[in-house]
Full PDB file with SEQRES, HELIX, SHEET, SSBOND, CRYST1, ORIGX, SCALE, CONECT and MASTER records, all heavy atoms in Angstrom:
SEQRES   1 A   31  ILE ARG GLU SER GLY GLY ASP ARG SER ALA VAL THR GLY          
SEQRES   2 A   31  GLY THR GLN VAL LEU SER ASP TRP ILE ARG VAL ARG ILE          
SEQRES   3 A   31  THR ALA ALA GLN GLY                                          
CRYST1    1.000    1.000    1.000  90.00  90.00  90.00 P 1           1          
ORIGX1      1.000000  0.000000  0.000000        0.00000                         
ORIGX2      0.000000  1.000000  0.000000        0.00000                         
ORIGX3      0.000000  0.000000  1.000000        0.00000                         
SCALE1      1.000000  0.000000  0.000000        0.00000                         
SCALE2      0.000000  1.000000  0.000000        0.00000                         
SCALE3      0.000000  0.000000  1.000000        0.00000                         
ATOM      1  N   ILE A   1    -121.341 -74.479   2.604  1.00  0.00           N  
ATOM      2  CA  ILE A   1    -121.344 -73.076   2.431  1.00  0.00           C  
ATOM      3  C   ILE A   1    -120.741 -72.379   3.636  1.00  0.00           C  
ATOM      4  O   ILE A   1    -121.170 -72.625   4.772  1.00  0.00           O  
ATOM      5  CB  ILE A   1    -122.612 -72.481   2.024  1.00  0.00           C  
ATOM      6  CG1 ILE A   1    -123.216 -73.070   0.737  1.00  0.00           C  
ATOM      7  CG2 ILE A   1    -122.635 -70.966   1.932  1.00  0.00           C  
ATOM      8  CD1 ILE A   1    -122.345 -72.938  -0.409  1.00  0.00           C  
ATOM      9  N   ARG A   2    -119.835 -71.385   3.385  1.00  0.00           N  
ATOM     10  CA  ARG A   2    -119.167 -70.623   4.532  1.00  0.00           C  
ATOM     11  C   ARG A   2    -119.370 -69.194   4.176  1.00  0.00           C  
ATOM     12  O   ARG A   2    -119.161 -68.798   3.091  1.00  0.00           O  
ATOM     13  CB  ARG A   2    -117.679 -70.998   4.818  1.00  0.00           C  
ATOM     14  CG  ARG A   2    -117.487 -72.371   5.259  1.00  0.00           C  
ATOM     15  CD  ARG A   2    -117.977 -72.483   6.728  1.00  0.00           C  
ATOM     16  NE  ARG A   2    -117.924 -73.795   7.245  1.00  0.00           N  
ATOM     17  CZ  ARG A   2    -118.962 -74.608   7.336  1.00  0.00           C  
ATOM     18  NH1 ARG A   2    -120.090 -74.233   6.889  1.00  0.00           N  
ATOM     19  NH2 ARG A   2    -118.736 -75.848   7.875  1.00  0.00           N  
ATOM     20  N   GLU A   3    -119.915 -68.387   5.117  1.00  0.00           N  
ATOM     21  CA  GLU A   3    -120.146 -67.002   4.838  1.00  0.00           C  
ATOM     22  C   GLU A   3    -120.054 -66.258   6.078  1.00  0.00           C  
ATOM     23  O   GLU A   3    -119.981 -66.697   7.140  1.00  0.00           O  
ATOM     24  CB  GLU A   3    -121.611 -66.886   4.326  1.00  0.00           C  
ATOM     25  CG  GLU A   3    -122.658 -67.383   5.205  1.00  0.00           C  
ATOM     26  CD  GLU A   3    -124.079 -67.400   4.568  1.00  0.00           C  
ATOM     27  OE1 GLU A   3    -124.292 -66.697   3.515  1.00  0.00           O  
ATOM     28  OE2 GLU A   3    -124.971 -68.101   5.074  1.00  0.00           O  
ATOM     29  N   SER A   4    -119.925 -64.858   5.842  1.00  0.00           N  
ATOM     30  CA  SER A   4    -119.689 -63.902   7.060  1.00  0.00           C  
ATOM     31  C   SER A   4    -121.085 -63.868   7.805  1.00  0.00           C  
ATOM     32  O   SER A   4    -122.092 -63.908   7.277  1.00  0.00           O  
ATOM     33  CB  SER A   4    -119.247 -62.591   6.566  1.00  0.00           C  
ATOM     34  OG  SER A   4    -120.231 -62.038   5.717  1.00  0.00           O  
ATOM     35  N   GLY A   5    -120.861 -63.688   9.191  1.00  0.00           N  
ATOM     36  CA  GLY A   5    -122.046 -63.648   9.955  1.00  0.00           C  
ATOM     37  C   GLY A   5    -122.717 -64.982  10.279  1.00  0.00           C  
ATOM     38  O   GLY A   5    -122.623 -65.913   9.576  1.00  0.00           O  
ATOM     39  N   GLY A   6    -123.453 -65.032  11.375  1.00  0.00           N  
ATOM     40  CA  GLY A   6    -124.236 -66.180  11.647  1.00  0.00           C  
ATOM     41  C   GLY A   6    -123.318 -67.335  12.208  1.00  0.00           C  
ATOM     42  O   GLY A   6    -122.240 -67.247  12.538  1.00  0.00           O  
ATOM     43  N   ASP A   7    -123.989 -68.529  12.003  1.00  0.00           N  
ATOM     44  CA  ASP A   7    -123.230 -69.742  12.622  1.00  0.00           C  
ATOM     45  C   ASP A   7    -122.527 -70.497  11.474  1.00  0.00           C  
ATOM     46  O   ASP A   7    -122.091 -71.625  11.936  1.00  0.00           O  
ATOM     47  CB  ASP A   7    -124.446 -70.647  13.231  1.00  0.00           C  
ATOM     48  CG  ASP A   7    -124.980 -70.019  14.540  1.00  0.00           C  
ATOM     49  OD1 ASP A   7    -124.401 -69.125  15.086  1.00  0.00           O  
ATOM     50  OD2 ASP A   7    -126.080 -70.533  14.879  1.00  0.00           O  
ATOM     51  N   ARG A   8    -122.312 -70.006  10.374  1.00  0.00           N  
ATOM     52  CA  ARG A   8    -121.621 -70.696   9.328  1.00  0.00           C  
ATOM     53  C   ARG A   8    -120.430 -69.864   8.957  1.00  0.00           C  
ATOM     54  O   ARG A   8    -119.841 -69.980   7.770  1.00  0.00           O  
ATOM     55  CB  ARG A   8    -122.493 -70.898   8.120  1.00  0.00           C  
ATOM     56  CG  ARG A   8    -123.728 -71.817   8.431  1.00  0.00           C  
ATOM     57  CD  ARG A   8    -124.332 -72.268   7.105  1.00  0.00           C  
ATOM     58  NE  ARG A   8    -124.995 -71.179   6.457  1.00  0.00           N  
ATOM     59  CZ  ARG A   8    -125.581 -71.243   5.251  1.00  0.00           C  
ATOM     60  NH1 ARG A   8    -125.732 -72.470   4.633  1.00  0.00           N  
ATOM     61  NH2 ARG A   8    -126.074 -70.315   4.579  1.00  0.00           N  
ATOM     62  N   SER A   9    -119.862 -69.138   9.909  1.00  0.00           N  
ATOM     63  CA  SER A   9    -118.667 -68.229   9.544  1.00  0.00           C  
ATOM     64  C   SER A   9    -117.378 -68.893   9.977  1.00  0.00           C  
ATOM     65  O   SER A   9    -116.305 -68.514   9.464  1.00  0.00           O  
ATOM     66  CB  SER A   9    -118.861 -66.973  10.258  1.00  0.00           C  
ATOM     67  OG  SER A   9    -118.850 -67.051  11.692  1.00  0.00           O  
ATOM     68  N   ALA A  10    -117.407 -69.981  10.774  1.00  0.00           N  
ATOM     69  CA  ALA A  10    -116.138 -70.631  11.204  1.00  0.00           C  
ATOM     70  C   ALA A  10    -115.553 -71.465  10.127  1.00  0.00           C  
ATOM     71  O   ALA A  10    -116.254 -72.294   9.452  1.00  0.00           O  
ATOM     72  CB  ALA A  10    -116.405 -71.362  12.456  1.00  0.00           C  
ATOM     73  N   VAL A  11    -114.302 -71.315   9.807  1.00  0.00           N  
ATOM     74  CA  VAL A  11    -113.563 -72.151   8.844  1.00  0.00           C  
ATOM     75  C   VAL A  11    -112.398 -72.812   9.492  1.00  0.00           C  
ATOM     76  O   VAL A  11    -111.861 -72.284  10.436  1.00  0.00           O  
ATOM     77  CB  VAL A  11    -113.149 -71.372   7.586  1.00  0.00           C  
ATOM     78  CG1 VAL A  11    -114.305 -70.965   6.760  1.00  0.00           C  
ATOM     79  CG2 VAL A  11    -112.312 -70.179   7.987  1.00  0.00           C  
ATOM     80  N   THR A  12    -111.978 -74.038   9.012  1.00  0.00           N  
ATOM     81  CA  THR A  12    -110.925 -74.757   9.552  1.00  0.00           C  
ATOM     82  C   THR A  12    -109.716 -74.815   8.618  1.00  0.00           C  
ATOM     83  O   THR A  12    -109.904 -74.957   7.402  1.00  0.00           O  
ATOM     84  CB  THR A  12    -111.405 -76.199   9.872  1.00  0.00           C  
ATOM     85  OG1 THR A  12    -112.574 -76.079  10.633  1.00  0.00           O  
ATOM     86  CG2 THR A  12    -110.470 -77.018  10.515  1.00  0.00           C  
ATOM     87  N   GLY A  13    -108.587 -74.730   9.184  1.00  0.00           N  
ATOM     88  CA  GLY A  13    -107.356 -74.769   8.324  1.00  0.00           C  
ATOM     89  C   GLY A  13    -107.173 -76.142   7.702  1.00  0.00           C  
ATOM     90  O   GLY A  13    -107.541 -77.188   8.270  1.00  0.00           O  
ATOM     91  N   GLY A  14    -106.774 -76.151   6.406  1.00  0.00           N  
ATOM     92  CA  GLY A  14    -106.611 -77.447   5.702  1.00  0.00           C  
ATOM     93  C   GLY A  14    -107.758 -77.714   4.804  1.00  0.00           C  
ATOM     94  O   GLY A  14    -107.607 -78.594   3.948  1.00  0.00           O  
ATOM     95  N   THR A  15    -108.910 -76.942   4.887  1.00  0.00           N  
ATOM     96  CA  THR A  15    -109.927 -77.152   3.992  1.00  0.00           C  
ATOM     97  C   THR A  15    -109.798 -76.325   2.796  1.00  0.00           C  
ATOM     98  O   THR A  15    -108.963 -75.394   2.824  1.00  0.00           O  
ATOM     99  CB  THR A  15    -111.270 -76.895   4.716  1.00  0.00           C  
ATOM    100  OG1 THR A  15    -111.302 -75.546   5.165  1.00  0.00           O  
ATOM    101  CG2 THR A  15    -111.547 -77.778   5.844  1.00  0.00           C  
ATOM    102  N   GLN A  16    -110.558 -76.689   1.760  1.00  0.00           N  
ATOM    103  CA  GLN A  16    -110.255 -75.953   0.459  1.00  0.00           C  
ATOM    104  C   GLN A  16    -111.554 -75.264  -0.052  1.00  0.00           C  
ATOM    105  O   GLN A  16    -112.581 -75.791  -0.115  1.00  0.00           O  
ATOM    106  CB  GLN A  16    -109.867 -77.064  -0.660  1.00  0.00           C  
ATOM    107  CG  GLN A  16    -109.405 -76.432  -1.923  1.00  0.00           C  
ATOM    108  CD  GLN A  16    -109.178 -77.459  -3.014  1.00  0.00           C  
ATOM    109  OE1 GLN A  16    -109.844 -78.433  -3.149  1.00  0.00           O  
ATOM    110  NE2 GLN A  16    -107.998 -77.290  -3.737  1.00  0.00           N  
ATOM    111  N   VAL A  17    -111.294 -74.069  -0.497  1.00  0.00           N  
ATOM    112  CA  VAL A  17    -112.373 -73.267  -1.213  1.00  0.00           C  
ATOM    113  C   VAL A  17    -112.616 -73.691  -2.607  1.00  0.00           C  
ATOM    114  O   VAL A  17    -111.609 -73.775  -3.383  1.00  0.00           O  
ATOM    115  CB  VAL A  17    -112.017 -71.711  -1.074  1.00  0.00           C  
ATOM    116  CG1 VAL A  17    -113.025 -70.947  -1.978  1.00  0.00           C  
ATOM    117  CG2 VAL A  17    -112.066 -71.260   0.321  1.00  0.00           C  
ATOM    118  N   LEU A  18    -113.747 -74.079  -2.933  1.00  0.00           N  
ATOM    119  CA  LEU A  18    -114.060 -74.538  -4.306  1.00  0.00           C  
ATOM    120  C   LEU A  18    -114.533 -73.452  -5.252  1.00  0.00           C  
ATOM    121  O   LEU A  18    -114.288 -73.520  -6.434  1.00  0.00           O  
ATOM    122  CB  LEU A  18    -115.123 -75.656  -4.173  1.00  0.00           C  
ATOM    123  CG  LEU A  18    -114.763 -76.985  -3.412  1.00  0.00           C  
ATOM    124  CD1 LEU A  18    -115.952 -77.962  -3.422  1.00  0.00           C  
ATOM    125  CD2 LEU A  18    -113.556 -77.592  -4.036  1.00  0.00           C  
ATOM    126  N   SER A  19    -115.241 -72.495  -4.722  1.00  0.00           N  
ATOM    127  CA  SER A  19    -115.782 -71.468  -5.636  1.00  0.00           C  
ATOM    128  C   SER A  19    -115.764 -70.146  -4.832  1.00  0.00           C  
ATOM    129  O   SER A  19    -115.754 -70.096  -3.612  1.00  0.00           O  
ATOM    130  CB  SER A  19    -117.169 -71.793  -6.041  1.00  0.00           C  
ATOM    131  OG  SER A  19    -118.109 -71.795  -4.986  1.00  0.00           O  
ATOM    132  N   ASP A  20    -115.726 -69.055  -5.638  1.00  0.00           N  
ATOM    133  CA  ASP A  20    -115.872 -67.686  -5.042  1.00  0.00           C  
ATOM    134  C   ASP A  20    -114.676 -67.385  -4.165  1.00  0.00           C  
ATOM    135  O   ASP A  20    -113.586 -67.909  -4.386  1.00  0.00           O  
ATOM    136  CB  ASP A  20    -117.140 -67.490  -4.310  1.00  0.00           C  
ATOM    137  CG  ASP A  20    -118.364 -67.835  -5.155  1.00  0.00           C  
ATOM    138  OD1 ASP A  20    -118.700 -66.996  -6.054  1.00  0.00           O  
ATOM    139  OD2 ASP A  20    -119.030 -68.925  -4.839  1.00  0.00           O  
ATOM    140  N   TRP A  21    -114.773 -66.472  -3.237  1.00  0.00           N  
ATOM    141  CA  TRP A  21    -113.642 -66.038  -2.478  1.00  0.00           C  
ATOM    142  C   TRP A  21    -114.239 -65.632  -1.065  1.00  0.00           C  
ATOM    143  O   TRP A  21    -115.328 -65.242  -0.930  1.00  0.00           O  
ATOM    144  CB  TRP A  21    -112.845 -64.924  -3.031  1.00  0.00           C  
ATOM    145  CG  TRP A  21    -113.735 -63.678  -3.334  1.00  0.00           C  
ATOM    146  CD1 TRP A  21    -114.502 -63.328  -4.504  1.00  0.00           C  
ATOM    147  CD2 TRP A  21    -113.938 -62.663  -2.445  1.00  0.00           C  
ATOM    148  NE1 TRP A  21    -115.036 -62.207  -4.375  1.00  0.00           N  
ATOM    149  CE2 TRP A  21    -114.749 -61.684  -3.111  1.00  0.00           C  
ATOM    150  CE3 TRP A  21    -113.515 -62.297  -1.088  1.00  0.00           C  
ATOM    151  CZ2 TRP A  21    -115.251 -60.478  -2.532  1.00  0.00           C  
ATOM    152  CZ3 TRP A  21    -113.893 -61.088  -0.549  1.00  0.00           C  
ATOM    153  CH2 TRP A  21    -114.815 -60.259  -1.208  1.00  0.00           C  
ATOM    154  N   ILE A  22    -113.321 -65.670  -0.094  1.00  0.00           N  
ATOM    155  CA  ILE A  22    -113.723 -65.129   1.223  1.00  0.00           C  
ATOM    156  C   ILE A  22    -112.454 -64.473   1.893  1.00  0.00           C  
ATOM    157  O   ILE A  22    -111.350 -64.807   1.546  1.00  0.00           O  
ATOM    158  CB  ILE A  22    -114.179 -66.272   2.156  1.00  0.00           C  
ATOM    159  CG1 ILE A  22    -113.181 -67.482   2.103  1.00  0.00           C  
ATOM    160  CG2 ILE A  22    -115.616 -66.734   1.827  1.00  0.00           C  
ATOM    161  CD1 ILE A  22    -113.559 -68.684   3.036  1.00  0.00           C  
ATOM    162  N   ARG A  23    -112.757 -63.440   2.773  1.00  0.00           N  
ATOM    163  CA  ARG A  23    -111.688 -62.976   3.661  1.00  0.00           C  
ATOM    164  C   ARG A  23    -111.858 -63.657   4.985  1.00  0.00           C  
ATOM    165  O   ARG A  23    -112.998 -63.640   5.503  1.00  0.00           O  
ATOM    166  CB  ARG A  23    -111.952 -61.385   3.864  1.00  0.00           C  
ATOM    167  CG  ARG A  23    -111.612 -60.605   2.493  1.00  0.00           C  
ATOM    168  CD  ARG A  23    -111.962 -59.123   2.796  1.00  0.00           C  
ATOM    169  NE  ARG A  23    -111.947 -58.372   1.597  1.00  0.00           N  
ATOM    170  CZ  ARG A  23    -110.881 -57.645   1.087  1.00  0.00           C  
ATOM    171  NH1 ARG A  23    -109.699 -57.686   1.763  1.00  0.00           N  
ATOM    172  NH2 ARG A  23    -110.929 -57.011   0.010  1.00  0.00           N  
ATOM    173  N   VAL A  24    -110.736 -64.039   5.477  1.00  0.00           N  
ATOM    174  CA  VAL A  24    -110.812 -64.893   6.735  1.00  0.00           C  
ATOM    175  C   VAL A  24    -109.930 -64.150   7.761  1.00  0.00           C  
ATOM    176  O   VAL A  24    -108.775 -63.817   7.450  1.00  0.00           O  
ATOM    177  CB  VAL A  24    -110.320 -66.227   6.526  1.00  0.00           C  
ATOM    178  CG1 VAL A  24    -110.305 -66.927   7.817  1.00  0.00           C  
ATOM    179  CG2 VAL A  24    -111.234 -66.942   5.563  1.00  0.00           C  
ATOM    180  N   ARG A  25    -110.412 -63.914   9.007  1.00  0.00           N  
ATOM    181  CA  ARG A  25    -109.679 -63.340  10.050  1.00  0.00           C  
ATOM    182  C   ARG A  25    -109.158 -64.567  10.876  1.00  0.00           C  
ATOM    183  O   ARG A  25    -109.909 -65.367  11.269  1.00  0.00           O  
ATOM    184  CB  ARG A  25    -110.398 -62.500  10.962  1.00  0.00           C  
ATOM    185  CG  ARG A  25    -109.573 -61.899  12.238  1.00  0.00           C  
ATOM    186  CD  ARG A  25    -110.407 -61.154  13.157  1.00  0.00           C  
ATOM    187  NE  ARG A  25    -110.962 -59.916  12.619  1.00  0.00           N  
ATOM    188  CZ  ARG A  25    -112.231 -59.599  12.429  1.00  0.00           C  
ATOM    189  NH1 ARG A  25    -113.152 -60.544  12.663  1.00  0.00           N  
ATOM    190  NH2 ARG A  25    -112.622 -58.529  11.916  1.00  0.00           N  
ATOM    191  N   ILE A  26    -107.757 -64.668  11.013  1.00  0.00           N  
ATOM    192  CA  ILE A  26    -107.285 -65.821  11.768  1.00  0.00           C  
ATOM    193  C   ILE A  26    -107.582 -65.632  13.247  1.00  0.00           C  
ATOM    194  O   ILE A  26    -107.498 -64.631  13.858  1.00  0.00           O  
ATOM    195  CB  ILE A  26    -105.750 -65.824  11.618  1.00  0.00           C  
ATOM    196  CG1 ILE A  26    -105.353 -65.945  10.117  1.00  0.00           C  
ATOM    197  CG2 ILE A  26    -105.188 -66.971  12.347  1.00  0.00           C  
ATOM    198  CD1 ILE A  26    -105.958 -67.105   9.403  1.00  0.00           C  
ATOM    199  N   THR A  27    -108.033 -66.859  13.847  1.00  0.00           N  
ATOM    200  CA  THR A  27    -108.546 -66.830  15.217  1.00  0.00           C  
ATOM    201  C   THR A  27    -107.745 -67.743  16.117  1.00  0.00           C  
ATOM    202  O   THR A  27    -107.942 -67.788  17.343  1.00  0.00           O  
ATOM    203  CB  THR A  27    -109.954 -67.154  15.309  1.00  0.00           C  
ATOM    204  OG1 THR A  27    -110.145 -68.499  14.725  1.00  0.00           O  
ATOM    205  CG2 THR A  27    -110.864 -66.229  14.631  1.00  0.00           C  
ATOM    206  N   ALA A  28    -106.816 -68.545  15.540  1.00  0.00           N  
ATOM    207  CA  ALA A  28    -106.030 -69.547  16.277  1.00  0.00           C  
ATOM    208  C   ALA A  28    -104.478 -69.286  16.146  1.00  0.00           C  
ATOM    209  O   ALA A  28    -104.133 -69.175  14.952  1.00  0.00           O  
ATOM    210  CB  ALA A  28    -106.435 -70.969  16.140  1.00  0.00           C  
ATOM    211  N   ALA A  29    -103.847 -69.387  17.225  1.00  0.00           N  
ATOM    212  CA  ALA A  29    -102.318 -69.231  17.105  1.00  0.00           C  
ATOM    213  C   ALA A  29    -101.699 -70.545  16.598  1.00  0.00           C  
ATOM    214  O   ALA A  29    -102.369 -71.641  16.805  1.00  0.00           O  
ATOM    215  CB  ALA A  29    -101.718 -68.892  18.415  1.00  0.00           C  
ATOM    216  N   GLN A  30    -100.583 -70.572  15.989  1.00  0.00           N  
ATOM    217  CA  GLN A  30     -99.927 -71.744  15.484  1.00  0.00           C  
ATOM    218  C   GLN A  30     -99.595 -72.646  16.737  1.00  0.00           C  
ATOM    219  O   GLN A  30     -99.168 -72.201  17.710  1.00  0.00           O  
ATOM    220  CB  GLN A  30     -98.676 -71.422  14.714  1.00  0.00           C  
ATOM    221  CG  GLN A  30     -98.945 -70.751  13.451  1.00  0.00           C  
ATOM    222  CD  GLN A  30     -99.770 -71.620  12.474  1.00  0.00           C  
ATOM    223  OE1 GLN A  30     -99.650 -72.793  12.366  1.00  0.00           O  
ATOM    224  NE2 GLN A  30    -100.827 -70.947  11.898  1.00  0.00           N  
ATOM    225  N   GLY A  31     -99.945 -73.898  16.563  1.00  0.00           N  
ATOM    226  CA  GLY A  31     -99.746 -74.883  17.660  1.00  0.00           C  
ATOM    227  C   GLY A  31    -101.001 -75.163  18.395  1.00  0.00           C  
ATOM    228  O   GLY A  31    -101.038 -76.135  19.155  1.00  0.00           O  
TER     229      GLY A  31                                                      
MASTER        0    0    0    0    0    0    0    6  228    1    0    3          
END                                                                             
């Protein structure tokens, strides 16, 4: 589970959302 706030808010590029939806603010530049 990934959700806003707390210690479960970080997401990694290349992973897949299985249900629901999220808004993600990009934190890493390409490369």
